[in-house]
Amino acid sequence: MKTDIHPPVFIAQFTCSCGATHNIGNTTLKETHVEICSECHPFYTGKQKLVDTTGRVDKFRKKEQAAQQK
């Protein structure tokens, strides 16, 4: 490995909107704010929310049918 060509590595602190902080090695940033992390993401917590998209799908289908009738 060549010497003096690698960037310095910082311990960056990532702060989530839920209040959790994670320290991760990074070469560019020392502090970052994120909206979601593994402590509050529904996939990891097991509290998945079901999104009701039936209204949107029905609305799209009605528009599609109206366009086909013209």
N, C-alpha and C. Protein backbone atom coordinates (compact mmCIF):
# COMPACT_ATOMS: atom_id res chain seq x y z
N MET A 1 0.83 -1.18 0.00
CA MET A 1 0.00 0.00 0.00
C MET A 1 0.88 1.25 0.00
N LYS A 2 0.53 2.20 -0.80
CA LYS A 2 1.30 3.44 -0.87
C LYS A 2 1.00 4.29 0.36
N THR A 3 1.97 5.00 0.82
CA THR A 3 1.79 5.87 1.98
C THR A 3 1.41 7.27 1.52
N ASP A 4 0.70 7.98 2.36
CA ASP A 4 0.30 9.39 2.16
C ASP A 4 -0.64 9.62 0.98
N ILE A 5 -1.38 8.61 0.50
CA ILE A 5 -2.36 8.85 -0.56
C ILE A 5 -3.79 8.65 -0.08
N HIS A 6 -3.95 8.10 1.10
CA HIS A 6 -5.28 7.82 1.61
C HIS A 6 -5.81 9.00 2.42
N PRO A 7 -7.10 9.31 2.29
CA PRO A 7 -7.66 10.42 3.06
C PRO A 7 -7.74 10.06 4.54
N PRO A 8 -7.73 11.07 5.39
CA PRO A 8 -7.88 10.79 6.82
C PRO A 8 -9.28 10.26 7.13
N VAL A 9 -9.39 9.35 8.07
CA VAL A 9 -10.66 8.76 8.45
C VAL A 9 -11.10 9.37 9.77
N PHE A 10 -12.33 9.90 9.78
CA PHE A 10 -12.91 10.50 10.98
C PHE A 10 -13.94 9.55 11.56
N ILE A 11 -14.21 9.68 12.83
CA ILE A 11 -15.34 9.00 13.44
C ILE A 11 -16.50 9.97 13.36
N ALA A 12 -17.41 9.72 12.43
CA ALA A 12 -18.54 10.61 12.20
C ALA A 12 -19.70 10.21 13.09
N GLN A 13 -20.41 11.20 13.58
CA GLN A 13 -21.58 10.94 14.41
C GLN A 13 -22.83 11.20 13.58
N PHE A 14 -23.61 10.15 13.36
CA PHE A 14 -24.87 10.25 12.64
C PHE A 14 -25.99 10.34 13.66
N THR A 15 -26.78 11.41 13.59
CA THR A 15 -27.88 11.63 14.52
C THR A 15 -29.19 11.50 13.76
N CYS A 16 -30.05 10.63 14.25
CA CYS A 16 -31.35 10.38 13.62
C CYS A 16 -32.39 11.34 14.19
N SER A 17 -33.48 11.53 13.45
CA SER A 17 -34.55 12.38 13.94
C SER A 17 -35.25 11.77 15.16
N CYS A 18 -35.09 10.45 15.37
CA CYS A 18 -35.68 9.80 16.55
C CYS A 18 -34.83 10.02 17.79
N GLY A 19 -33.61 10.56 17.62
CA GLY A 19 -32.74 10.85 18.75
C GLY A 19 -31.58 9.88 18.89
N ALA A 20 -31.57 8.81 18.15
CA ALA A 20 -30.48 7.83 18.22
C ALA A 20 -29.24 8.37 17.55
N THR A 21 -28.07 8.03 18.08
CA THR A 21 -26.81 8.42 17.47
C THR A 21 -25.99 7.18 17.18
N HIS A 22 -25.27 7.23 16.06
CA HIS A 22 -24.41 6.13 15.63
C HIS A 22 -23.07 6.72 15.24
N ASN A 23 -21.98 6.11 15.69
CA ASN A 23 -20.64 6.54 15.32
C ASN A 23 -20.10 5.59 14.26
N ILE A 24 -19.74 6.17 13.12
CA ILE A 24 -19.31 5.40 11.97
C ILE A 24 -18.08 6.07 11.37
N GLY A 25 -17.14 5.26 10.89
CA GLY A 25 -15.96 5.82 10.24
C GLY A 25 -16.32 6.45 8.91
N ASN A 26 -15.78 7.65 8.64
CA ASN A 26 -16.11 8.39 7.44
C ASN A 26 -14.89 9.20 7.03
N THR A 27 -14.76 9.49 5.75
CA THR A 27 -13.61 10.26 5.28
C THR A 27 -13.96 11.70 4.93
N THR A 28 -15.23 12.07 4.91
CA THR A 28 -15.60 13.41 4.47
C THR A 28 -16.33 14.23 5.53
N LEU A 29 -17.23 13.63 6.28
CA LEU A 29 -18.06 14.37 7.22
C LEU A 29 -17.78 13.96 8.65
N LYS A 30 -17.92 14.91 9.56
CA LYS A 30 -17.74 14.58 10.97
C LYS A 30 -19.07 14.46 11.70
N GLU A 31 -20.11 15.12 11.17
CA GLU A 31 -21.42 15.08 11.80
C GLU A 31 -22.49 15.14 10.73
N THR A 32 -23.50 14.27 10.85
CA THR A 32 -24.56 14.20 9.86
C THR A 32 -25.89 13.94 10.55
N HIS A 33 -26.95 14.50 9.99
CA HIS A 33 -28.30 14.26 10.50
C HIS A 33 -29.08 13.47 9.46
N VAL A 34 -29.73 12.39 9.90
CA VAL A 34 -30.52 11.56 9.00
C VAL A 34 -31.96 11.50 9.51
N GLU A 35 -32.89 11.17 8.62
CA GLU A 35 -34.30 11.13 8.99
C GLU A 35 -34.72 9.81 9.60
N ILE A 36 -34.07 8.72 9.21
CA ILE A 36 -34.50 7.41 9.68
C ILE A 36 -33.26 6.51 9.84
N CYS A 37 -33.30 5.65 10.84
CA CYS A 37 -32.17 4.76 11.11
C CYS A 37 -32.71 3.37 11.43
N SER A 38 -31.81 2.46 11.76
CA SER A 38 -32.22 1.08 12.03
C SER A 38 -33.01 0.96 13.32
N GLU A 39 -32.94 1.94 14.19
CA GLU A 39 -33.70 1.88 15.44
C GLU A 39 -35.15 2.33 15.30
N CYS A 40 -35.44 3.10 14.26
CA CYS A 40 -36.82 3.57 14.09
C CYS A 40 -37.44 3.15 12.76
N HIS A 41 -36.68 2.49 11.89
CA HIS A 41 -37.22 2.05 10.60
C HIS A 41 -38.22 0.91 10.83
N PRO A 42 -39.39 0.96 10.21
CA PRO A 42 -40.42 -0.06 10.43
C PRO A 42 -39.96 -1.48 10.11
N PHE A 43 -39.06 -1.66 9.17
CA PHE A 43 -38.60 -3.00 8.83
C PHE A 43 -37.84 -3.63 9.99
N TYR A 44 -37.03 -2.85 10.67
CA TYR A 44 -36.23 -3.37 11.77
C TYR A 44 -36.99 -3.44 13.08
N THR A 45 -37.95 -2.57 13.28
CA THR A 45 -38.70 -2.56 14.53
C THR A 45 -39.85 -3.55 14.52
N GLY A 46 -40.28 -3.99 13.35
CA GLY A 46 -41.40 -4.92 13.26
C GLY A 46 -42.75 -4.24 13.33
N LYS A 47 -42.77 -2.94 13.34
CA LYS A 47 -44.02 -2.18 13.40
C LYS A 47 -44.29 -1.56 12.04
N GLN A 48 -44.50 -2.42 11.05
CA GLN A 48 -44.73 -1.92 9.71
C GLN A 48 -46.12 -1.33 9.60
N LYS A 49 -46.21 -0.23 8.90
CA LYS A 49 -47.49 0.43 8.68
C LYS A 49 -47.99 0.03 7.30
N LEU A 50 -49.25 -0.28 7.21
CA LEU A 50 -49.85 -0.59 5.93
C LEU A 50 -50.35 0.70 5.31
N VAL A 51 -49.92 0.96 4.11
CA VAL A 51 -50.32 2.16 3.40
C VAL A 51 -51.54 1.83 2.56
N ASP A 52 -52.59 2.59 2.76
CA ASP A 52 -53.83 2.35 2.02
C ASP A 52 -53.74 3.09 0.69
N THR A 53 -53.46 2.34 -0.36
CA THR A 53 -53.35 2.94 -1.68
C THR A 53 -54.55 2.60 -2.57
N THR A 54 -55.54 1.95 -2.00
CA THR A 54 -56.67 1.55 -2.83
C THR A 54 -57.38 2.76 -3.41
N GLY A 55 -57.47 3.83 -2.68
CA GLY A 55 -58.09 5.03 -3.21
C GLY A 55 -57.34 5.58 -4.40
N ARG A 56 -56.03 5.54 -4.34
CA ARG A 56 -55.20 6.03 -5.44
C ARG A 56 -55.32 5.13 -6.66
N VAL A 57 -55.33 3.84 -6.43
CA VAL A 57 -55.44 2.89 -7.54
C VAL A 57 -56.79 3.03 -8.22
N ASP A 58 -57.84 3.12 -7.43
CA ASP A 58 -59.17 3.29 -8.00
C ASP A 58 -59.27 4.59 -8.80
N LYS A 59 -58.69 5.64 -8.29
CA LYS A 59 -58.72 6.92 -8.99
C LYS A 59 -57.99 6.81 -10.33
N PHE A 60 -56.84 6.12 -10.33
CA PHE A 60 -56.09 5.92 -11.57
C PHE A 60 -56.90 5.11 -12.57
N ARG A 61 -57.53 4.04 -12.10
CA ARG A 61 -58.31 3.19 -13.01
C ARG A 61 -59.49 3.95 -13.60
N LYS A 62 -60.13 4.80 -12.81
CA LYS A 62 -61.25 5.60 -13.33
C LYS A 62 -60.77 6.53 -14.42
N LYS A 63 -59.60 7.17 -14.21
CA LYS A 63 -59.05 8.06 -15.23
C LYS A 63 -58.70 7.28 -16.50
N GLU A 64 -58.15 6.09 -16.31
CA GLU A 64 -57.78 5.25 -17.43
C GLU A 64 -59.01 4.84 -18.23
N GLN A 65 -60.10 4.47 -17.56
CA GLN A 65 -61.32 4.06 -18.23
C GLN A 65 -61.94 5.24 -18.96
N ALA A 66 -61.92 6.40 -18.34
CA ALA A 66 -62.47 7.59 -18.97
C ALA A 66 -61.69 7.94 -20.22
N ALA A 67 -60.38 7.76 -20.18
CA ALA A 67 -59.56 8.07 -21.36
C ALA A 67 -59.82 7.06 -22.49
N GLN A 68 -60.08 5.82 -22.14
CA GLN A 68 -60.35 4.80 -23.16
C GLN A 68 -61.70 5.01 -23.81
N GLN A 69 -62.67 5.58 -23.09
CA GLN A 69 -64.01 5.78 -23.62
C GLN A 69 -64.04 6.95 -24.59
N LYS A 70 -63.11 7.85 -24.51
CA LYS A 70 -63.11 9.03 -25.40
C LYS A 70 -62.64 8.71 -26.78
